[in-house]
Each structure stands twice: as C-alpha cells, then as structure tokens.
Amino acid sequence: MDAVTQWQKQWFDYTQSLRREGFLDDQFAQLKKLQDESSPDFVVEVVSLFFQDSEKLLSNMGRALEQNVVNFKQVDAYVHQFKGSSAWIGALRLKNVCINFRNSCEAQNLEG
C-alpha cells in the first residue's frame, strides 16, 4: 500500500469514527461528494474557511456576552450564523449546541 492510499484509508476511517460518535452527519458525506479531480482540496478549503469564520464569530460572541447589557438579539444572530455554517459542513454536535445556545438567547438567559 503506497503512502497516498494509506493516508486515504486513515482519512476514511477517521471520518467514519466521527460519524459513529455523532460529530459529523450525512451533510459531511454530501460535502465530500462535491470534491473531484478538478477540485481535489475542496473539503479542506471549505473546512478551513469554516474555522476562519468560526474564529471571528466566536470572538464577536465573546465580546457581545461581556457587555454590561447583553444584546441577546445580536448574540443570537451570531449563533444563528454559526449554526448554519456548522450544519453546512455536517458538524452535527456543534449545530446542536448552537440550537441550545439560541434557546438561551431567546430566554435571555446569560448563564445558559
């Protein structure tokens, strides 16, 4: 088995374990189907963009939550965007955390 084939097998096994553990859902498999010879790095590029955007969103959320008077509508907008991005790449657990977070925003529950 050459190095590329071995790496591909490891990648497949790893993503399968993430699916079994509930970290990823079928959307990630759909995302992988969009990758082909003309865009061999598609998934890596999409996930990299997700991490870049997530860093900005989390920073914005953190600043919004540190205010003396929290603007829950603004925090909810950030969480909504984060949920959508998470769902798009198939990050199931993260999407579910965002759903719970949005419920706390709706209830204006800072502790939640």
N, C-alpha and C. Protein backbone atom coordinates (compact mmCIF):
# COMPACT_ATOMS: atom_id res chain seq x y z
N MET A 1 0.85 -1.18 0.00
CA MET A 1 0.00 0.00 0.00
C MET A 1 0.90 1.24 0.00
N ASP A 2 0.70 2.12 -0.99
CA ASP A 2 1.52 3.32 -1.04
C ASP A 2 1.04 4.35 -0.01
N ALA A 3 1.82 5.40 0.16
CA ALA A 3 1.54 6.39 1.21
C ALA A 3 0.20 7.10 0.99
N VAL A 4 -0.13 7.42 -0.26
CA VAL A 4 -1.38 8.12 -0.54
C VAL A 4 -2.58 7.24 -0.21
N THR A 5 -2.52 5.99 -0.63
CA THR A 5 -3.61 5.06 -0.35
C THR A 5 -3.77 4.87 1.15
N GLN A 6 -2.66 4.77 1.86
CA GLN A 6 -2.70 4.60 3.30
C GLN A 6 -3.32 5.84 3.96
N TRP A 7 -2.94 7.02 3.50
CA TRP A 7 -3.49 8.26 4.05
C TRP A 7 -4.98 8.33 3.78
N GLN A 8 -5.42 7.96 2.58
CA GLN A 8 -6.84 7.99 2.23
C GLN A 8 -7.63 7.04 3.13
N LYS A 9 -7.06 5.87 3.39
CA LYS A 9 -7.73 4.92 4.28
C LYS A 9 -7.84 5.48 5.69
N GLN A 10 -6.78 6.09 6.18
CA GLN A 10 -6.81 6.69 7.52
C GLN A 10 -7.85 7.80 7.59
N TRP A 11 -7.91 8.63 6.55
CA TRP A 11 -8.89 9.72 6.49
C TRP A 11 -10.31 9.15 6.51
N PHE A 12 -10.55 8.13 5.70
CA PHE A 12 -11.87 7.49 5.65
C PHE A 12 -12.23 6.92 7.01
N ASP A 13 -11.30 6.18 7.63
CA ASP A 13 -11.56 5.58 8.94
C ASP A 13 -11.85 6.66 9.98
N TYR A 14 -11.09 7.75 9.93
CA TYR A 14 -11.27 8.83 10.90
C TYR A 14 -12.64 9.49 10.74
N THR A 15 -13.02 9.81 9.51
CA THR A 15 -14.32 10.45 9.30
C THR A 15 -15.46 9.49 9.67
N GLN A 16 -15.27 8.21 9.42
CA GLN A 16 -16.29 7.23 9.81
C GLN A 16 -16.44 7.19 11.33
N SER A 17 -15.33 7.27 12.05
CA SER A 17 -15.41 7.25 13.52
C SER A 17 -16.10 8.52 14.02
N LEU A 18 -15.85 9.66 13.37
CA LEU A 18 -16.52 10.90 13.76
C LEU A 18 -18.03 10.81 13.50
N ARG A 19 -18.42 10.13 12.45
CA ARG A 19 -19.85 9.93 12.18
C ARG A 19 -20.47 9.01 13.22
N ARG A 20 -19.78 7.92 13.55
CA ARG A 20 -20.30 6.98 14.56
C ARG A 20 -20.47 7.67 15.91
N GLU A 21 -19.55 8.57 16.24
CA GLU A 21 -19.59 9.25 17.54
C GLU A 21 -20.53 10.46 17.54
N GLY A 22 -21.15 10.75 16.40
CA GLY A 22 -22.12 11.83 16.34
C GLY A 22 -21.54 13.21 16.11
N PHE A 23 -20.27 13.31 15.77
CA PHE A 23 -19.67 14.61 15.49
C PHE A 23 -20.05 15.11 14.10
N LEU A 24 -20.14 14.20 13.16
CA LEU A 24 -20.48 14.54 11.78
C LEU A 24 -21.77 13.83 11.38
N ASP A 25 -22.47 14.43 10.42
CA ASP A 25 -23.68 13.79 9.91
C ASP A 25 -23.57 13.58 8.41
N ASP A 26 -24.68 13.22 7.77
CA ASP A 26 -24.68 12.92 6.35
C ASP A 26 -24.29 14.12 5.48
N GLN A 27 -24.47 15.32 6.00
CA GLN A 27 -24.11 16.51 5.23
C GLN A 27 -22.61 16.51 4.90
N PHE A 28 -21.79 16.02 5.82
CA PHE A 28 -20.35 15.96 5.55
C PHE A 28 -20.08 15.01 4.39
N ALA A 29 -20.79 13.89 4.32
CA ALA A 29 -20.64 12.96 3.20
C ALA A 29 -21.04 13.64 1.90
N GLN A 30 -22.10 14.45 1.93
CA GLN A 30 -22.52 15.19 0.74
C GLN A 30 -21.46 16.19 0.31
N LEU A 31 -20.85 16.82 1.29
CA LEU A 31 -19.78 17.77 1.00
C LEU A 31 -18.61 17.08 0.32
N LYS A 32 -18.27 15.89 0.81
CA LYS A 32 -17.16 15.13 0.21
C LYS A 32 -17.46 14.75 -1.23
N LYS A 33 -18.74 14.55 -1.56
CA LYS A 33 -19.12 14.18 -2.93
C LYS A 33 -18.88 15.32 -3.92
N LEU A 34 -18.79 16.54 -3.42
CA LEU A 34 -18.54 17.69 -4.29
C LEU A 34 -17.07 17.80 -4.68
N GLN A 35 -16.24 17.03 -4.01
CA GLN A 35 -14.81 17.04 -4.31
C GLN A 35 -14.52 16.07 -5.45
N ASP A 36 -13.75 16.52 -6.43
CA ASP A 36 -13.37 15.66 -7.54
C ASP A 36 -11.98 16.06 -8.04
N GLU A 37 -11.59 15.53 -9.20
CA GLU A 37 -10.26 15.81 -9.72
C GLU A 37 -10.05 17.30 -10.00
N SER A 38 -11.12 17.99 -10.39
CA SER A 38 -10.98 19.41 -10.69
C SER A 38 -10.88 20.27 -9.41
N SER A 39 -11.30 19.72 -8.29
CA SER A 39 -11.20 20.43 -7.00
C SER A 39 -10.81 19.44 -5.90
N PRO A 40 -9.57 18.92 -5.97
CA PRO A 40 -9.17 17.86 -5.03
C PRO A 40 -9.06 18.32 -3.57
N ASP A 41 -8.95 19.62 -3.36
CA ASP A 41 -8.82 20.14 -1.99
C ASP A 41 -10.09 20.81 -1.50
N PHE A 42 -11.20 20.51 -2.15
CA PHE A 42 -12.46 21.20 -1.85
C PHE A 42 -12.83 21.10 -0.37
N VAL A 43 -12.83 19.91 0.18
CA VAL A 43 -13.25 19.73 1.58
C VAL A 43 -12.31 20.46 2.52
N VAL A 44 -11.02 20.35 2.27
CA VAL A 44 -10.03 21.04 3.12
C VAL A 44 -10.25 22.55 3.06
N GLU A 45 -10.51 23.07 1.87
CA GLU A 45 -10.75 24.51 1.72
C GLU A 45 -12.01 24.95 2.45
N VAL A 46 -13.08 24.17 2.31
CA VAL A 46 -14.35 24.52 2.96
C VAL A 46 -14.19 24.47 4.48
N VAL A 47 -13.57 23.43 4.99
CA VAL A 47 -13.38 23.30 6.44
C VAL A 47 -12.46 24.41 6.95
N SER A 48 -11.43 24.76 6.20
CA SER A 48 -10.54 25.85 6.59
C SER A 48 -11.30 27.17 6.68
N LEU A 49 -12.15 27.44 5.69
CA LEU A 49 -12.98 28.65 5.73
C LEU A 49 -13.93 28.63 6.92
N PHE A 50 -14.48 27.45 7.20
CA PHE A 50 -15.36 27.31 8.35
C PHE A 50 -14.62 27.70 9.63
N PHE A 51 -13.39 27.21 9.80
CA PHE A 51 -12.62 27.54 11.01
C PHE A 51 -12.29 29.03 11.07
N GLN A 52 -11.95 29.63 9.95
CA GLN A 52 -11.66 31.07 9.93
C GLN A 52 -12.90 31.87 10.33
N ASP A 53 -14.03 31.56 9.72
CA ASP A 53 -15.28 32.26 10.04
C ASP A 53 -15.70 32.00 11.49
N SER A 54 -15.50 30.77 11.95
CA SER A 54 -15.88 30.41 13.32
C SER A 54 -15.08 31.21 14.33
N GLU A 55 -13.81 31.40 14.06
CA GLU A 55 -12.97 32.17 14.98
C GLU A 55 -13.51 33.59 15.13
N LYS A 56 -13.89 34.20 14.01
CA LYS A 56 -14.45 35.56 14.05
C LYS A 56 -15.79 35.57 14.79
N LEU A 57 -16.66 34.61 14.48
CA LEU A 57 -17.96 34.56 15.14
C LEU A 57 -17.83 34.37 16.64
N LEU A 58 -16.95 33.45 17.05
CA LEU A 58 -16.77 33.20 18.48
C LEU A 58 -16.21 34.43 19.19
N SER A 59 -15.31 35.12 18.53
CA SER A 59 -14.75 36.35 19.10
C SER A 59 -15.84 37.41 19.26
N ASN A 60 -16.66 37.57 18.22
CA ASN A 60 -17.76 38.53 18.28
C ASN A 60 -18.76 38.15 19.38
N MET A 61 -19.07 36.86 19.48
CA MET A 61 -19.99 36.40 20.52
C MET A 61 -19.43 36.69 21.91
N GLY A 62 -18.14 36.39 22.07
CA GLY A 62 -17.50 36.62 23.36
C GLY A 62 -17.57 38.09 23.77
N ARG A 63 -17.25 38.99 22.83
CA ARG A 63 -17.31 40.42 23.13
C ARG A 63 -18.74 40.84 23.46
N ALA A 64 -19.71 40.33 22.71
CA ALA A 64 -21.11 40.69 22.95
C ALA A 64 -21.57 40.21 24.32
N LEU A 65 -21.12 39.04 24.72
CA LEU A 65 -21.54 38.49 26.02
C LEU A 65 -20.86 39.15 27.20
N GLU A 66 -19.75 39.85 26.95
CA GLU A 66 -19.02 40.53 28.03
C GLU A 66 -19.57 41.93 28.32
N GLN A 67 -20.49 42.40 27.51
CA GLN A 67 -21.05 43.74 27.72
C GLN A 67 -21.88 43.79 29.00
N ASN A 68 -21.92 44.98 29.60
CA ASN A 68 -22.73 45.16 30.81
C ASN A 68 -24.19 44.83 30.54
N VAL A 69 -24.68 45.27 29.40
CA VAL A 69 -26.04 44.95 28.97
C VAL A 69 -25.90 44.13 27.69
N VAL A 70 -26.22 42.86 27.78
CA VAL A 70 -26.04 41.95 26.65
C VAL A 70 -27.17 42.14 25.65
N ASN A 71 -26.79 42.34 24.39
CA ASN A 71 -27.75 42.43 23.30
C ASN A 71 -27.99 40.99 22.81
N PHE A 72 -29.00 40.34 23.37
CA PHE A 72 -29.25 38.94 23.05
C PHE A 72 -29.64 38.74 21.59
N LYS A 73 -30.26 39.75 20.97
CA LYS A 73 -30.60 39.62 19.55
C LYS A 73 -29.33 39.55 18.71
N GLN A 74 -28.32 40.33 19.07
CA GLN A 74 -27.05 40.30 18.33
C GLN A 74 -26.34 38.97 18.56
N VAL A 75 -26.29 38.52 19.80
CA VAL A 75 -25.66 37.23 20.11
C VAL A 75 -26.38 36.12 19.34
N ASP A 76 -27.70 36.17 19.35
CA ASP A 76 -28.48 35.18 18.63
C ASP A 76 -28.16 35.19 17.14
N ALA A 77 -27.96 36.36 16.57
CA ALA A 77 -27.61 36.45 15.15
C ALA A 77 -26.27 35.77 14.88
N TYR A 78 -25.30 35.97 15.76
CA TYR A 78 -24.01 35.29 15.61
C TYR A 78 -24.17 33.78 15.73
N VAL A 79 -24.94 33.35 16.72
CA VAL A 79 -25.15 31.91 16.94
C VAL A 79 -25.91 31.30 15.76
N HIS A 80 -26.87 32.03 15.24
CA HIS A 80 -27.63 31.56 14.08
C HIS A 80 -26.70 31.33 12.88
N GLN A 81 -25.81 32.28 12.66
CA GLN A 81 -24.84 32.14 11.56
C GLN A 81 -23.90 30.95 11.82
N PHE A 82 -23.47 30.78 13.05
CA PHE A 82 -22.59 29.67 13.42
C PHE A 82 -23.30 28.34 13.23
N LYS A 83 -24.58 28.31 13.60
CA LYS A 83 -25.37 27.08 13.42
C LYS A 83 -25.48 26.72 11.95
N GLY A 84 -25.73 27.71 11.12
CA GLY A 84 -25.85 27.46 9.69
C GLY A 84 -24.55 26.95 9.09
N SER A 85 -23.45 27.54 9.47
CA SER A 85 -22.14 27.09 8.98
C SER A 85 -21.84 25.67 9.44
N SER A 86 -22.17 25.41 10.70
CA SER A 86 -21.94 24.07 11.26
C SER A 86 -22.77 23.03 10.54
N ALA A 87 -24.01 23.37 10.27
CA ALA A 87 -24.90 22.45 9.56
C ALA A 87 -24.40 22.21 8.15
N TRP A 88 -23.89 23.24 7.50
CA TRP A 88 -23.45 23.13 6.11
C TRP A 88 -22.27 22.17 5.95
N ILE A 89 -21.37 22.17 6.94
CA ILE A 89 -20.24 21.23 6.83
C ILE A 89 -20.53 19.89 7.49
N GLY A 90 -21.67 19.75 8.14
CA GLY A 90 -22.03 18.46 8.73
C GLY A 90 -21.55 18.28 10.15
N ALA A 91 -21.27 19.39 10.86
CA ALA A 91 -20.80 19.30 12.24
C ALA A 91 -22.02 19.19 13.17
N LEU A 92 -22.54 17.99 13.29
CA LEU A 92 -23.79 17.72 13.98
C LEU A 92 -23.80 18.19 15.43
N ARG A 93 -22.81 17.82 16.19
CA ARG A 93 -22.80 18.19 17.61
C ARG A 93 -22.73 19.70 17.79
N LEU A 94 -21.93 20.34 16.98
CA LEU A 94 -21.81 21.79 17.07
C LEU A 94 -23.13 22.47 16.71
N LYS A 95 -23.78 21.97 15.69
CA LYS A 95 -25.09 22.50 15.30
C LYS A 95 -26.07 22.37 16.46
N ASN A 96 -26.06 21.23 17.14
CA ASN A 96 -26.97 21.01 18.27
C ASN A 96 -26.66 21.93 19.45
N VAL A 97 -25.38 22.19 19.69
CA VAL A 97 -25.00 23.13 20.75
C VAL A 97 -25.53 24.52 20.41
N CYS A 98 -25.43 24.88 19.14
CA CYS A 98 -25.93 26.19 18.71
C CYS A 98 -27.44 26.30 18.91
N ILE A 99 -28.16 25.24 18.67
CA ILE A 99 -29.61 25.24 18.88
C ILE A 99 -29.91 25.53 20.35
N ASN A 100 -29.20 24.85 21.25
CA ASN A 100 -29.40 25.09 22.68
C ASN A 100 -29.00 26.51 23.07
N PHE A 101 -27.91 27.00 22.47
CA PHE A 101 -27.45 28.36 22.74
C PHE A 101 -28.49 29.38 22.29
N ARG A 102 -29.09 29.15 21.13
CA ARG A 102 -30.13 30.06 20.64
C ARG A 102 -31.33 30.07 21.58
N ASN A 103 -31.66 28.92 22.15
CA ASN A 103 -32.76 28.87 23.12
C ASN A 103 -32.44 29.74 24.33
N SER A 104 -31.20 29.72 24.77
CA SER A 104 -30.78 30.57 25.90
C SER A 104 -30.85 32.04 25.52
N CYS A 105 -30.49 32.36 24.28
CA CYS A 105 -30.59 33.75 23.82
C CYS A 105 -32.04 34.20 23.81
N GLU A 106 -32.90 33.34 23.32
CA GLU A 106 -34.33 33.68 23.26
C GLU A 106 -34.89 33.94 24.66
N ALA A 107 -34.43 33.15 25.62
CA ALA A 107 -34.89 33.31 27.01
C ALA A 107 -34.09 34.40 27.75
N GLN A 108 -33.13 35.00 27.05
CA GLN A 108 -32.23 36.00 27.64
C GLN A 108 -31.59 35.47 28.90
N ASN A 109 -31.15 34.22 28.82
CA ASN A 109 -30.53 33.52 29.93
C ASN A 109 -29.01 33.58 29.75
N LEU A 110 -28.39 34.56 30.40
CA LEU A 110 -26.95 34.75 30.26
C LEU A 110 -26.16 33.55 30.77
N GLU A 111 -26.62 32.96 31.87
CA GLU A 111 -25.92 31.79 32.42
C GLU A 111 -25.99 30.61 31.44
N GLY A 112 -27.14 30.43 30.80
CA GLY A 112 -27.32 29.35 29.83
C GLY A 112 -26.42 29.52 28.64
